[in-house]
Amino acid sequence: MNARYRIGILMLTCTALGALGGRSLHSEAKPPAYLIGQIDVTNPDGYAREYLPKAREIIKAHGGKLVAAAGAAATGSQVVAVDGNPPKRVVIYMYPNMEALKAWRNDPAYVQVRTVGERYATYHTFAVEGSVAN
C-alpha cells in the first residue's frame, strides 16, 4: 500500500473515532437542575441572620447558583402574577445536575440549617431538570 492510501485511511479512521468520541461525551452530559422555592418568611430578621448565610454557603459548596430571587425579604424585585395569586417570595437556584441538587438537600449540614430556617419561614420547593440542548 502506498503512503497516500495509508494517510487517507489514517485520516478516515481518526475522523470516525473523533465523531464517535464526541457523541459519547455529549450523551453523558447531564442536564442542569433547577430548584424553585416559594417561601413565606414570617421573621425576616431571624431568617436573614440565622438561616441565609449558612444556607448559601452549603448551596454554593454543592455547585448551586442563585438565578433569581424576588418578593418579601429578597432583592427588592417583585413577584409578578401571570395566573393566580403570586407567592410572597420566590427563589430559583441552578445546580450542575439533579444529583448535585439532591446531595445539597440531603447534606446533614443543610438539614440542620433548614430546621433553623423553618423557625422563620414556610417552604414549598420543587426541582426540575433543564435542557442539555442548545
N, C-alpha and C. Protein backbone atom coordinates (compact mmCIF):
# COMPACT_ATOMS: atom_id res chain seq x y z
N MET A 1 0.86 -1.17 0.00
CA MET A 1 0.00 0.00 0.00
C MET A 1 0.91 1.24 0.00
N ASN A 2 0.58 2.20 -0.86
CA ASN A 2 1.46 3.36 -0.90
C ASN A 2 1.12 4.35 0.22
N ALA A 3 1.98 5.34 0.41
CA ALA A 3 1.87 6.28 1.53
C ALA A 3 0.59 7.09 1.47
N ARG A 4 0.12 7.46 0.27
CA ARG A 4 -1.11 8.25 0.16
C ARG A 4 -2.32 7.51 0.68
N TYR A 5 -2.41 6.23 0.35
CA TYR A 5 -3.55 5.44 0.82
C TYR A 5 -3.50 5.26 2.34
N ARG A 6 -2.30 5.06 2.88
CA ARG A 6 -2.15 4.92 4.32
C ARG A 6 -2.57 6.20 5.05
N ILE A 7 -2.15 7.32 4.52
CA ILE A 7 -2.53 8.60 5.13
C ILE A 7 -4.03 8.81 5.04
N GLY A 8 -4.63 8.47 3.90
CA GLY A 8 -6.08 8.61 3.72
C GLY A 8 -6.86 7.74 4.70
N ILE A 9 -6.41 6.48 4.84
CA ILE A 9 -7.08 5.57 5.77
C ILE A 9 -6.91 6.06 7.20
N LEU A 10 -5.71 6.54 7.53
CA LEU A 10 -5.46 7.06 8.86
C LEU A 10 -6.37 8.27 9.15
N MET A 11 -6.53 9.16 8.16
CA MET A 11 -7.40 10.33 8.34
C MET A 11 -8.85 9.91 8.53
N LEU A 12 -9.32 8.97 7.74
CA LEU A 12 -10.70 8.48 7.89
C LEU A 12 -10.92 7.83 9.25
N THR A 13 -9.95 7.05 9.70
CA THR A 13 -10.05 6.39 11.00
C THR A 13 -10.11 7.42 12.12
N CYS A 14 -9.24 8.42 12.05
CA CYS A 14 -9.22 9.47 13.08
C CYS A 14 -10.53 10.25 13.09
N THR A 15 -11.07 10.55 11.91
CA THR A 15 -12.33 11.28 11.82
C THR A 15 -13.46 10.46 12.44
N ALA A 16 -13.51 9.18 12.13
CA ALA A 16 -14.56 8.32 12.68
C ALA A 16 -14.44 8.21 14.19
N LEU A 17 -13.22 8.02 14.69
CA LEU A 17 -13.04 7.93 16.14
C LEU A 17 -13.40 9.24 16.83
N GLY A 18 -13.06 10.36 16.23
CA GLY A 18 -13.41 11.66 16.79
C GLY A 18 -14.91 11.86 16.85
N ALA A 19 -15.61 11.47 15.80
CA ALA A 19 -17.06 11.61 15.77
C ALA A 19 -17.71 10.72 16.84
N LEU A 20 -17.25 9.49 16.95
CA LEU A 20 -17.81 8.59 17.97
C LEU A 20 -17.50 9.09 19.37
N GLY A 21 -16.29 9.56 19.58
CA GLY A 21 -15.92 10.09 20.89
C GLY A 21 -16.75 11.30 21.27
N GLY A 22 -16.99 12.19 20.32
CA GLY A 22 -17.80 13.38 20.58
C GLY A 22 -19.23 13.01 20.93
N ARG A 23 -19.76 12.03 20.23
CA ARG A 23 -21.14 11.59 20.55
C ARG A 23 -21.20 10.98 21.93
N SER A 24 -20.19 10.20 22.27
CA SER A 24 -20.16 9.57 23.59
C SER A 24 -20.11 10.62 24.70
N LEU A 25 -19.27 11.62 24.54
CA LEU A 25 -19.18 12.68 25.54
C LEU A 25 -20.49 13.46 25.65
N HIS A 26 -21.11 13.75 24.51
CA HIS A 26 -22.35 14.52 24.52
C HIS A 26 -23.48 13.73 25.18
N SER A 27 -23.51 12.41 24.94
CA SER A 27 -24.60 11.61 25.51
C SER A 27 -24.46 11.48 27.02
N GLU A 28 -23.25 11.69 27.57
CA GLU A 28 -23.06 11.60 29.00
C GLU A 28 -23.36 12.91 29.72
N ALA A 29 -23.57 13.98 28.98
CA ALA A 29 -23.85 15.27 29.61
C ALA A 29 -25.17 15.20 30.36
N LYS A 30 -25.14 15.64 31.60
CA LYS A 30 -26.35 15.64 32.41
C LYS A 30 -26.93 17.04 32.40
N PRO A 31 -28.24 17.14 32.34
CA PRO A 31 -28.86 18.47 32.32
C PRO A 31 -28.74 19.16 33.67
N PRO A 32 -28.71 20.48 33.67
CA PRO A 32 -28.72 21.19 34.95
C PRO A 32 -30.05 20.96 35.65
N ALA A 33 -30.06 21.16 36.94
CA ALA A 33 -31.29 21.02 37.72
C ALA A 33 -31.59 22.37 38.37
N TYR A 34 -32.87 22.71 38.39
CA TYR A 34 -33.31 23.98 38.96
C TYR A 34 -34.18 23.72 40.18
N LEU A 35 -33.85 24.38 41.27
CA LEU A 35 -34.68 24.33 42.47
C LEU A 35 -35.52 25.59 42.46
N ILE A 36 -36.83 25.43 42.56
CA ILE A 36 -37.74 26.56 42.63
C ILE A 36 -38.37 26.54 44.01
N GLY A 37 -38.27 27.64 44.72
CA GLY A 37 -38.82 27.69 46.06
C GLY A 37 -39.79 28.84 46.23
N GLN A 38 -40.93 28.54 46.80
CA GLN A 38 -41.90 29.56 47.21
C GLN A 38 -41.81 29.61 48.73
N ILE A 39 -41.45 30.77 49.25
CA ILE A 39 -41.13 30.87 50.66
C ILE A 39 -41.97 31.97 51.32
N ASP A 40 -42.57 31.63 52.42
CA ASP A 40 -43.33 32.61 53.21
C ASP A 40 -42.50 32.89 54.46
N VAL A 41 -41.77 34.00 54.44
CA VAL A 41 -40.90 34.36 55.56
C VAL A 41 -41.73 35.09 56.62
N THR A 42 -41.77 34.54 57.82
CA THR A 42 -42.56 35.13 58.90
C THR A 42 -41.71 36.02 59.81
N ASN A 43 -40.39 35.82 59.80
CA ASN A 43 -39.48 36.62 60.61
C ASN A 43 -38.27 36.97 59.74
N PRO A 44 -38.33 38.05 58.96
CA PRO A 44 -37.24 38.40 58.05
C PRO A 44 -35.89 38.59 58.73
N ASP A 45 -35.86 39.17 59.93
CA ASP A 45 -34.59 39.40 60.62
C ASP A 45 -33.92 38.08 61.00
N GLY A 46 -34.66 37.19 61.62
CA GLY A 46 -34.11 35.89 62.01
C GLY A 46 -33.70 35.07 60.80
N TYR A 47 -34.53 35.11 59.78
CA TYR A 47 -34.26 34.39 58.54
C TYR A 47 -32.95 34.88 57.91
N ALA A 48 -32.78 36.19 57.82
CA ALA A 48 -31.60 36.78 57.20
C ALA A 48 -30.34 36.57 58.05
N ARG A 49 -30.49 36.56 59.35
CA ARG A 49 -29.34 36.46 60.25
C ARG A 49 -28.91 35.02 60.51
N GLU A 50 -29.88 34.15 60.80
CA GLU A 50 -29.55 32.81 61.26
C GLU A 50 -29.60 31.73 60.18
N TYR A 51 -30.39 31.94 59.16
CA TYR A 51 -30.54 30.89 58.14
C TYR A 51 -29.76 31.18 56.86
N LEU A 52 -30.00 32.33 56.25
CA LEU A 52 -29.45 32.60 54.92
C LEU A 52 -27.94 32.46 54.78
N PRO A 53 -27.11 33.05 55.66
CA PRO A 53 -25.67 32.94 55.44
C PRO A 53 -25.17 31.49 55.41
N LYS A 54 -25.64 30.68 56.33
CA LYS A 54 -25.22 29.27 56.39
C LYS A 54 -25.78 28.49 55.21
N ALA A 55 -27.04 28.73 54.88
CA ALA A 55 -27.67 28.02 53.76
C ALA A 55 -26.95 28.33 52.45
N ARG A 56 -26.65 29.59 52.21
CA ARG A 56 -25.96 29.98 50.98
C ARG A 56 -24.59 29.33 50.86
N GLU A 57 -23.89 29.22 51.97
CA GLU A 57 -22.57 28.59 51.96
C GLU A 57 -22.67 27.12 51.54
N ILE A 58 -23.64 26.41 52.07
CA ILE A 58 -23.83 24.99 51.74
C ILE A 58 -24.31 24.84 50.31
N ILE A 59 -25.21 25.70 49.88
CA ILE A 59 -25.70 25.67 48.49
C ILE A 59 -24.53 25.83 47.54
N LYS A 60 -23.69 26.82 47.79
CA LYS A 60 -22.53 27.08 46.93
C LYS A 60 -21.56 25.90 46.92
N ALA A 61 -21.37 25.25 48.06
CA ALA A 61 -20.47 24.11 48.15
C ALA A 61 -20.93 22.95 47.26
N HIS A 62 -22.23 22.88 46.98
CA HIS A 62 -22.77 21.82 46.12
C HIS A 62 -22.96 22.28 44.68
N GLY A 63 -22.42 23.44 44.35
CA GLY A 63 -22.50 23.93 42.97
C GLY A 63 -23.74 24.73 42.67
N GLY A 64 -24.55 25.05 43.66
CA GLY A 64 -25.77 25.82 43.45
C GLY A 64 -25.46 27.28 43.19
N LYS A 65 -26.18 27.84 42.22
CA LYS A 65 -26.03 29.26 41.88
C LYS A 65 -27.40 29.92 41.86
N LEU A 66 -27.50 31.06 42.51
CA LEU A 66 -28.76 31.78 42.53
C LEU A 66 -29.04 32.34 41.14
N VAL A 67 -30.22 32.02 40.60
CA VAL A 67 -30.64 32.51 39.29
C VAL A 67 -31.56 33.70 39.47
N ALA A 68 -32.49 33.62 40.43
CA ALA A 68 -33.45 34.70 40.65
C ALA A 68 -33.99 34.62 42.07
N ALA A 69 -34.29 35.80 42.61
CA ALA A 69 -34.94 35.90 43.91
C ALA A 69 -35.81 37.15 43.87
N ALA A 70 -37.03 37.02 44.33
CA ALA A 70 -37.93 38.18 44.32
C ALA A 70 -38.95 38.02 45.44
N GLY A 71 -39.53 39.15 45.82
CA GLY A 71 -40.57 39.15 46.83
C GLY A 71 -40.08 39.64 48.15
N ALA A 72 -40.88 39.45 49.17
CA ALA A 72 -40.58 39.92 50.52
C ALA A 72 -39.24 39.36 50.99
N ALA A 73 -38.44 40.21 51.59
CA ALA A 73 -37.13 39.86 52.15
C ALA A 73 -36.15 39.36 51.09
N ALA A 74 -36.36 39.72 49.86
CA ALA A 74 -35.44 39.30 48.79
C ALA A 74 -34.68 40.51 48.27
N THR A 75 -34.51 40.60 46.97
CA THR A 75 -33.68 41.64 46.35
C THR A 75 -34.39 42.95 46.14
N GLY A 76 -35.67 43.02 46.44
CA GLY A 76 -36.44 44.22 46.15
C GLY A 76 -37.29 44.03 44.91
N SER A 77 -36.94 43.04 44.08
CA SER A 77 -37.76 42.71 42.91
C SER A 77 -39.08 42.12 43.38
N GLN A 78 -40.11 42.34 42.62
CA GLN A 78 -41.43 41.82 42.98
C GLN A 78 -41.77 40.58 42.16
N VAL A 79 -42.52 39.69 42.77
CA VAL A 79 -43.05 38.53 42.07
C VAL A 79 -44.27 39.00 41.30
N VAL A 80 -44.28 38.79 40.00
CA VAL A 80 -45.37 39.26 39.15
C VAL A 80 -46.30 38.08 38.84
N ALA A 81 -47.56 38.22 39.18
CA ALA A 81 -48.54 37.16 38.90
C ALA A 81 -48.86 37.14 37.42
N VAL A 82 -48.81 35.96 36.83
CA VAL A 82 -49.25 35.78 35.45
C VAL A 82 -50.62 35.11 35.48
N ASP A 83 -50.76 34.07 36.27
CA ASP A 83 -52.04 33.40 36.51
C ASP A 83 -52.15 33.16 38.01
N GLY A 84 -53.26 33.51 38.60
CA GLY A 84 -53.46 33.28 40.03
C GLY A 84 -52.73 34.29 40.89
N ASN A 85 -52.66 33.99 42.17
CA ASN A 85 -52.01 34.88 43.13
C ASN A 85 -50.52 34.53 43.24
N PRO A 86 -49.68 35.54 43.30
CA PRO A 86 -48.25 35.25 43.40
C PRO A 86 -47.85 34.84 44.82
N PRO A 87 -46.82 34.01 44.96
CA PRO A 87 -46.30 33.72 46.29
C PRO A 87 -45.60 34.96 46.85
N LYS A 88 -45.36 34.98 48.15
CA LYS A 88 -44.72 36.14 48.77
C LYS A 88 -43.25 36.27 48.38
N ARG A 89 -42.57 35.15 48.26
CA ARG A 89 -41.15 35.16 47.91
C ARG A 89 -40.86 33.95 47.03
N VAL A 90 -40.02 34.15 46.02
CA VAL A 90 -39.62 33.07 45.11
C VAL A 90 -38.11 33.10 44.95
N VAL A 91 -37.50 31.92 44.97
CA VAL A 91 -36.08 31.79 44.64
C VAL A 91 -35.91 30.69 43.61
N ILE A 92 -34.93 30.85 42.75
CA ILE A 92 -34.58 29.82 41.77
C ILE A 92 -33.07 29.64 41.84
N TYR A 93 -32.63 28.40 42.08
CA TYR A 93 -31.22 28.04 42.09
C TYR A 93 -30.96 27.03 40.98
N MET A 94 -29.80 27.14 40.37
CA MET A 94 -29.38 26.16 39.36
C MET A 94 -28.23 25.34 39.93
N TYR A 95 -28.32 24.04 39.77
CA TYR A 95 -27.28 23.11 40.17
C TYR A 95 -26.73 22.42 38.92
N PRO A 96 -25.51 21.89 38.99
CA PRO A 96 -24.93 21.24 37.80
C PRO A 96 -25.79 20.09 37.26
N ASN A 97 -26.46 19.39 38.16
CA ASN A 97 -27.34 18.28 37.76
C ASN A 97 -28.21 17.91 38.96
N MET A 98 -29.13 16.98 38.73
CA MET A 98 -30.07 16.60 39.80
C MET A 98 -29.36 15.92 40.96
N GLU A 99 -28.29 15.18 40.68
CA GLU A 99 -27.55 14.52 41.74
C GLU A 99 -26.94 15.55 42.70
N ALA A 100 -26.39 16.64 42.15
CA ALA A 100 -25.81 17.70 42.99
C ALA A 100 -26.90 18.36 43.83
N LEU A 101 -28.07 18.58 43.24
CA LEU A 101 -29.17 19.18 43.99
C LEU A 101 -29.60 18.28 45.14
N LYS A 102 -29.73 17.00 44.86
CA LYS A 102 -30.14 16.06 45.91
C LYS A 102 -29.06 15.95 46.99
N ALA A 103 -27.80 16.00 46.58
CA ALA A 103 -26.70 15.93 47.56
C ALA A 103 -26.76 17.14 48.49
N TRP A 104 -27.06 18.31 47.92
CA TRP A 104 -27.22 19.51 48.76
C TRP A 104 -28.36 19.32 49.76
N ARG A 105 -29.51 18.90 49.27
CA ARG A 105 -30.70 18.80 50.13
C ARG A 105 -30.53 17.76 51.22
N ASN A 106 -29.74 16.70 50.95
CA ASN A 106 -29.54 15.64 51.92
C ASN A 106 -28.28 15.82 52.76
N ASP A 107 -27.54 16.88 52.51
CA ASP A 107 -26.33 17.17 53.28
C ASP A 107 -26.73 17.38 54.74
N PRO A 108 -26.14 16.64 55.67
CA PRO A 108 -26.51 16.80 57.09
C PRO A 108 -26.37 18.24 57.59
N ALA A 109 -25.39 18.96 57.07
CA ALA A 109 -25.22 20.36 57.49
C ALA A 109 -26.42 21.19 57.04
N TYR A 110 -26.92 20.92 55.82
CA TYR A 110 -28.09 21.68 55.36
C TYR A 110 -29.35 21.26 56.13
N VAL A 111 -29.49 19.98 56.38
CA VAL A 111 -30.66 19.50 57.12
C VAL A 111 -30.74 20.22 58.47
N GLN A 112 -29.60 20.41 59.11
CA GLN A 112 -29.56 21.11 60.39
C GLN A 112 -29.91 22.59 60.22
N VAL A 113 -29.35 23.23 59.21
CA VAL A 113 -29.64 24.65 58.96
C VAL A 113 -31.10 24.83 58.57
N ARG A 114 -31.64 23.90 57.85
CA ARG A 114 -33.04 24.00 57.41
C ARG A 114 -33.98 24.04 58.60
N THR A 115 -33.67 23.31 59.67
CA THR A 115 -34.54 23.36 60.85
C THR A 115 -34.54 24.77 61.46
N VAL A 116 -33.42 25.47 61.34
CA VAL A 116 -33.37 26.86 61.78
C VAL A 116 -34.25 27.70 60.87
N GLY A 117 -34.12 27.52 59.56
CA GLY A 117 -34.94 28.27 58.60
C GLY A 117 -36.42 28.06 58.80
N GLU A 118 -36.80 26.85 59.19
CA GLU A 118 -38.23 26.55 59.38
C GLU A 118 -38.82 27.26 60.58
N ARG A 119 -37.99 27.79 61.45
CA ARG A 119 -38.50 28.62 62.55
C ARG A 119 -38.97 29.97 62.03
N TYR A 120 -38.41 30.39 60.91
CA TYR A 120 -38.66 31.72 60.37
C TYR A 120 -39.41 31.74 59.05
N ALA A 121 -39.66 30.57 58.46
CA ALA A 121 -40.30 30.54 57.14
C ALA A 121 -40.98 29.21 56.89
N THR A 122 -41.94 29.25 55.95
CA THR A 122 -42.59 28.05 55.45
C THR A 122 -42.16 27.89 54.00
N TYR A 123 -41.76 26.69 53.62
CA TYR A 123 -41.20 26.44 52.29
C TYR A 123 -42.11 25.54 51.46
N HIS A 124 -42.14 25.82 50.18
CA HIS A 124 -42.73 24.93 49.17
C HIS A 124 -41.70 24.91 48.05
N THR A 125 -40.95 23.82 47.96
CA THR A 125 -39.87 23.75 46.97
C THR A 125 -40.04 22.54 46.07
N PHE A 126 -39.53 22.66 44.86
CA PHE A 126 -39.54 21.55 43.92
C PHE A 126 -38.39 21.73 42.94
N ALA A 127 -38.02 20.64 42.26
CA ALA A 127 -36.89 20.68 41.34
C ALA A 127 -37.30 20.17 39.96
N VAL A 128 -36.70 20.75 38.95
CA VAL A 128 -36.91 20.29 37.57
C VAL A 128 -35.56 20.24 36.87
N GLU A 129 -35.44 19.30 35.92
CA GLU A 129 -34.23 19.25 35.12
C GLU A 129 -34.36 20.21 33.95
N GLY A 130 -33.25 20.84 33.63
CA GLY A 130 -33.21 21.73 32.47
C GLY A 130 -32.95 20.93 31.20
N SER A 131 -32.64 21.63 30.15
CA SER A 131 -32.38 21.01 28.87
C SER A 131 -30.88 21.04 28.58
N VAL A 132 -30.35 19.96 27.98
CA VAL A 132 -28.94 19.95 27.58
C VAL A 132 -28.79 20.46 26.16
N ALA A 133 -29.89 20.58 25.42
CA ALA A 133 -29.84 21.06 24.05
C ALA A 133 -29.61 22.56 24.04
N ASN A 134 -28.83 23.02 23.10
CA ASN A 134 -28.57 24.46 22.98
C ASN A 134 -29.48 25.10 21.98
